[in-house]
Amino acid sequence: MVTLTFLTRADCHLCETARKAIAEAVAGRDVNVDEIDIDSDDDLSGQYGWDVPVVLLNGRQHSFHRVDTDRLSKALAALGA
């Protein structure tokens, strides 16, 4: 199973767009999606403060600011999801 971690924050319009792209890319796949508000974690906020939304696949950064559905779908397929 692939783990997709979606780093976000409240009132982030790019995050709303990314959430839709992620939902489309993971539909029907064996993917565990964890959504984390970076403002609830000082380390994440310090590391990714200006880069949200961020998508991590199995802990590795895949994208930030904008999520391309096709690119994410290909990456998930390459990981076996």
N, C-alpha and C. Protein backbone atom coordinates (compact mmCIF):
# COMPACT_ATOMS: atom_id res chain seq x y z
N MET A 1 0.84 -1.18 0.00
CA MET A 1 0.00 0.00 0.00
C MET A 1 0.88 1.24 0.00
N VAL A 2 0.46 2.24 -0.75
CA VAL A 2 1.17 3.51 -0.83
C VAL A 2 0.56 4.46 0.19
N THR A 3 1.40 5.22 0.87
CA THR A 3 0.93 6.25 1.79
C THR A 3 1.16 7.61 1.16
N LEU A 4 0.08 8.35 1.00
CA LEU A 4 0.14 9.71 0.50
C LEU A 4 -0.14 10.63 1.68
N THR A 5 0.80 11.49 1.98
CA THR A 5 0.63 12.46 3.05
C THR A 5 0.39 13.82 2.40
N PHE A 6 -0.72 14.43 2.77
CA PHE A 6 -1.12 15.72 2.23
C PHE A 6 -0.94 16.75 3.33
N LEU A 7 0.05 17.62 3.15
CA LEU A 7 0.31 18.68 4.13
C LEU A 7 -0.43 19.93 3.69
N THR A 8 -1.23 20.46 4.57
CA THR A 8 -2.13 21.54 4.25
C THR A 8 -2.22 22.52 5.40
N ARG A 9 -3.07 23.51 5.26
CA ARG A 9 -3.40 24.42 6.36
C ARG A 9 -4.77 25.04 6.07
N ALA A 10 -5.36 25.59 7.10
CA ALA A 10 -6.68 26.20 6.96
C ALA A 10 -6.60 27.44 6.06
N ASP A 11 -7.70 27.71 5.39
CA ASP A 11 -7.84 28.90 4.54
C ASP A 11 -6.79 28.98 3.45
N CYS A 12 -6.46 27.85 2.86
CA CYS A 12 -5.46 27.78 1.79
C CYS A 12 -6.19 27.40 0.50
N HIS A 13 -6.33 28.36 -0.43
CA HIS A 13 -7.07 28.07 -1.65
C HIS A 13 -6.34 27.06 -2.54
N LEU A 14 -5.02 27.07 -2.54
CA LEU A 14 -4.27 26.06 -3.31
C LEU A 14 -4.50 24.67 -2.73
N CYS A 15 -4.67 24.61 -1.41
CA CYS A 15 -4.92 23.32 -0.76
C CYS A 15 -6.26 22.73 -1.18
N GLU A 16 -7.26 23.57 -1.33
CA GLU A 16 -8.57 23.09 -1.77
C GLU A 16 -8.49 22.51 -3.18
N THR A 17 -7.76 23.19 -4.06
CA THR A 17 -7.58 22.70 -5.42
C THR A 17 -6.80 21.39 -5.41
N ALA A 18 -5.75 21.34 -4.60
CA ALA A 18 -4.93 20.13 -4.50
C ALA A 18 -5.73 18.96 -3.94
N ARG A 19 -6.60 19.23 -2.98
CA ARG A 19 -7.42 18.16 -2.38
C ARG A 19 -8.26 17.48 -3.46
N LYS A 20 -8.81 18.26 -4.38
CA LYS A 20 -9.62 17.70 -5.47
C LYS A 20 -8.75 16.87 -6.42
N ALA A 21 -7.56 17.37 -6.74
CA ALA A 21 -6.65 16.63 -7.62
C ALA A 21 -6.22 15.32 -6.99
N ILE A 22 -5.96 15.34 -5.70
CA ILE A 22 -5.55 14.12 -4.97
C ILE A 22 -6.70 13.11 -4.98
N ALA A 23 -7.90 13.57 -4.68
CA ALA A 23 -9.06 12.68 -4.67
C ALA A 23 -9.23 11.99 -6.02
N GLU A 24 -9.05 12.74 -7.09
CA GLU A 24 -9.18 12.17 -8.42
C GLU A 24 -8.08 11.15 -8.69
N ALA A 25 -6.85 11.47 -8.29
CA ALA A 25 -5.71 10.59 -8.57
C ALA A 25 -5.76 9.29 -7.77
N VAL A 26 -6.28 9.33 -6.55
CA VAL A 26 -6.28 8.13 -5.71
C VAL A 26 -7.54 7.28 -5.86
N ALA A 27 -8.53 7.79 -6.55
CA ALA A 27 -9.80 7.05 -6.70
C ALA A 27 -9.55 5.66 -7.27
N GLY A 28 -10.03 4.65 -6.54
CA GLY A 28 -9.92 3.27 -7.00
C GLY A 28 -8.55 2.64 -6.80
N ARG A 29 -7.66 3.32 -6.13
CA ARG A 29 -6.30 2.79 -5.91
C ARG A 29 -6.12 2.42 -4.44
N ASP A 30 -5.14 1.56 -4.20
CA ASP A 30 -4.80 1.14 -2.85
C ASP A 30 -3.83 2.16 -2.24
N VAL A 31 -4.39 3.29 -1.79
CA VAL A 31 -3.59 4.39 -1.25
C VAL A 31 -4.18 4.83 0.08
N ASN A 32 -3.34 4.94 1.08
CA ASN A 32 -3.73 5.47 2.37
C ASN A 32 -3.40 6.97 2.36
N VAL A 33 -4.42 7.81 2.51
CA VAL A 33 -4.22 9.26 2.48
C VAL A 33 -4.29 9.80 3.91
N ASP A 34 -3.20 10.46 4.32
CA ASP A 34 -3.15 11.14 5.61
C ASP A 34 -3.08 12.63 5.35
N GLU A 35 -4.01 13.39 5.91
CA GLU A 35 -4.00 14.84 5.76
C GLU A 35 -3.56 15.46 7.07
N ILE A 36 -2.56 16.33 7.00
CA ILE A 36 -2.01 16.95 8.20
C ILE A 36 -2.00 18.46 8.03
N ASP A 37 -2.56 19.16 8.99
CA ASP A 37 -2.49 20.61 9.04
C ASP A 37 -1.12 20.97 9.63
N ILE A 38 -0.27 21.59 8.81
CA ILE A 38 1.10 21.84 9.28
C ILE A 38 1.15 22.81 10.45
N ASP A 39 0.11 23.61 10.62
CA ASP A 39 0.10 24.55 11.73
C ASP A 39 -0.11 23.87 13.08
N SER A 40 -0.40 22.57 13.05
CA SER A 40 -0.56 21.81 14.29
C SER A 40 0.76 21.16 14.72
N ASP A 41 1.81 21.35 13.93
CA ASP A 41 3.10 20.72 14.19
C ASP A 41 4.21 21.73 13.89
N ASP A 42 4.93 22.15 14.93
CA ASP A 42 5.98 23.18 14.77
C ASP A 42 7.05 22.77 13.78
N ASP A 43 7.45 21.50 13.79
CA ASP A 43 8.49 21.04 12.86
C ASP A 43 8.01 21.14 11.41
N LEU A 44 6.80 20.65 11.15
CA LEU A 44 6.26 20.72 9.79
C LEU A 44 6.03 22.16 9.35
N SER A 45 5.55 22.99 10.26
CA SER A 45 5.32 24.39 9.94
C SER A 45 6.63 25.08 9.58
N GLY A 46 7.69 24.78 10.32
CA GLY A 46 8.99 25.36 10.02
C GLY A 46 9.56 24.88 8.71
N GLN A 47 9.34 23.62 8.39
CA GLN A 47 9.90 23.03 7.18
C GLN A 47 9.11 23.39 5.93
N TYR A 48 7.79 23.43 6.02
CA TYR A 48 6.95 23.60 4.84
C TYR A 48 6.08 24.85 4.87
N GLY A 49 6.32 25.76 5.78
CA GLY A 49 5.46 26.91 6.01
C GLY A 49 4.97 27.65 4.79
N TRP A 50 5.83 27.91 3.83
CA TRP A 50 5.44 28.67 2.64
C TRP A 50 5.20 27.78 1.42
N ASP A 51 5.30 26.48 1.58
CA ASP A 51 5.22 25.57 0.44
C ASP A 51 3.92 24.79 0.32
N VAL A 52 2.98 24.95 1.25
CA VAL A 52 1.75 24.17 1.18
C VAL A 52 0.92 24.57 -0.03
N PRO A 53 0.19 23.64 -0.58
CA PRO A 53 0.10 22.23 -0.18
C PRO A 53 1.32 21.44 -0.63
N VAL A 54 1.61 20.39 0.13
CA VAL A 54 2.72 19.49 -0.17
C VAL A 54 2.16 18.07 -0.20
N VAL A 55 2.62 17.28 -1.18
CA VAL A 55 2.24 15.87 -1.26
C VAL A 55 3.51 15.05 -1.09
N LEU A 56 3.46 14.13 -0.13
CA LEU A 56 4.55 13.18 0.09
C LEU A 56 4.03 11.79 -0.28
N LEU A 57 4.81 11.04 -1.01
CA LEU A 57 4.47 9.65 -1.33
C LEU A 57 5.47 8.77 -0.61
N ASN A 58 4.95 7.95 0.29
CA ASN A 58 5.80 7.09 1.12
C ASN A 58 6.92 7.90 1.75
N GLY A 59 6.59 9.13 2.19
CA GLY A 59 7.54 9.97 2.92
C GLY A 59 8.43 10.84 2.05
N ARG A 60 8.38 10.68 0.74
CA ARG A 60 9.22 11.48 -0.16
C ARG A 60 8.37 12.54 -0.85
N GLN A 61 8.93 13.75 -0.91
CA GLN A 61 8.17 14.85 -1.51
C GLN A 61 7.92 14.60 -2.99
N HIS A 62 6.66 14.69 -3.37
CA HIS A 62 6.27 14.53 -4.76
C HIS A 62 5.97 15.89 -5.39
N SER A 63 5.24 16.73 -4.68
CA SER A 63 4.86 18.02 -5.25
C SER A 63 4.58 19.02 -4.14
N PHE A 64 4.59 20.29 -4.53
CA PHE A 64 4.20 21.35 -3.62
C PHE A 64 3.61 22.50 -4.44
N HIS A 65 2.84 23.34 -3.77
CA HIS A 65 2.11 24.47 -4.34
C HIS A 65 0.97 24.01 -5.24
N ARG A 66 1.26 23.24 -6.28
CA ARG A 66 0.23 22.77 -7.20
C ARG A 66 0.39 21.26 -7.38
N VAL A 67 -0.74 20.58 -7.48
CA VAL A 67 -0.73 19.13 -7.67
C VAL A 67 -1.32 18.82 -9.04
N ASP A 68 -0.52 18.20 -9.88
CA ASP A 68 -0.96 17.81 -11.21
C ASP A 68 -1.51 16.39 -11.12
N THR A 69 -2.79 16.23 -11.43
CA THR A 69 -3.46 14.94 -11.29
C THR A 69 -2.78 13.86 -12.13
N ASP A 70 -2.44 14.15 -13.37
CA ASP A 70 -1.82 13.15 -14.24
C ASP A 70 -0.46 12.73 -13.71
N ARG A 71 0.35 13.69 -13.30
CA ARG A 71 1.68 13.39 -12.77
C ARG A 71 1.57 12.54 -11.50
N LEU A 72 0.62 12.90 -10.62
CA LEU A 72 0.42 12.14 -9.39
C LEU A 72 -0.08 10.74 -9.70
N SER A 73 -1.00 10.60 -10.65
CA SER A 73 -1.50 9.28 -11.03
C SER A 73 -0.37 8.39 -11.54
N LYS A 74 0.51 8.94 -12.36
CA LYS A 74 1.64 8.17 -12.87
C LYS A 74 2.58 7.75 -11.75
N ALA A 75 2.82 8.65 -10.82
CA ALA A 75 3.71 8.31 -9.70
C ALA A 75 3.09 7.22 -8.83
N LEU A 76 1.79 7.29 -8.61
CA LEU A 76 1.12 6.24 -7.83
C LEU A 76 1.17 4.89 -8.54
N ALA A 77 0.97 4.91 -9.85
CA ALA A 77 1.05 3.67 -10.63
C ALA A 77 2.46 3.09 -10.57
N ALA A 78 3.46 3.94 -10.63
CA ALA A 78 4.84 3.47 -10.56
C ALA A 78 5.17 2.83 -9.21
N LEU A 79 4.44 3.26 -8.18
CA LEU A 79 4.63 2.69 -6.84
C LEU A 79 3.75 1.46 -6.60
N GLY A 80 2.97 1.10 -7.61
CA GLY A 80 2.16 -0.11 -7.52
C GLY A 80 0.77 0.11 -6.98
N ALA A 81 0.34 1.34 -6.89
CA ALA A 81 -1.01 1.63 -6.38
C ALA A 81 -2.01 1.69 -7.52
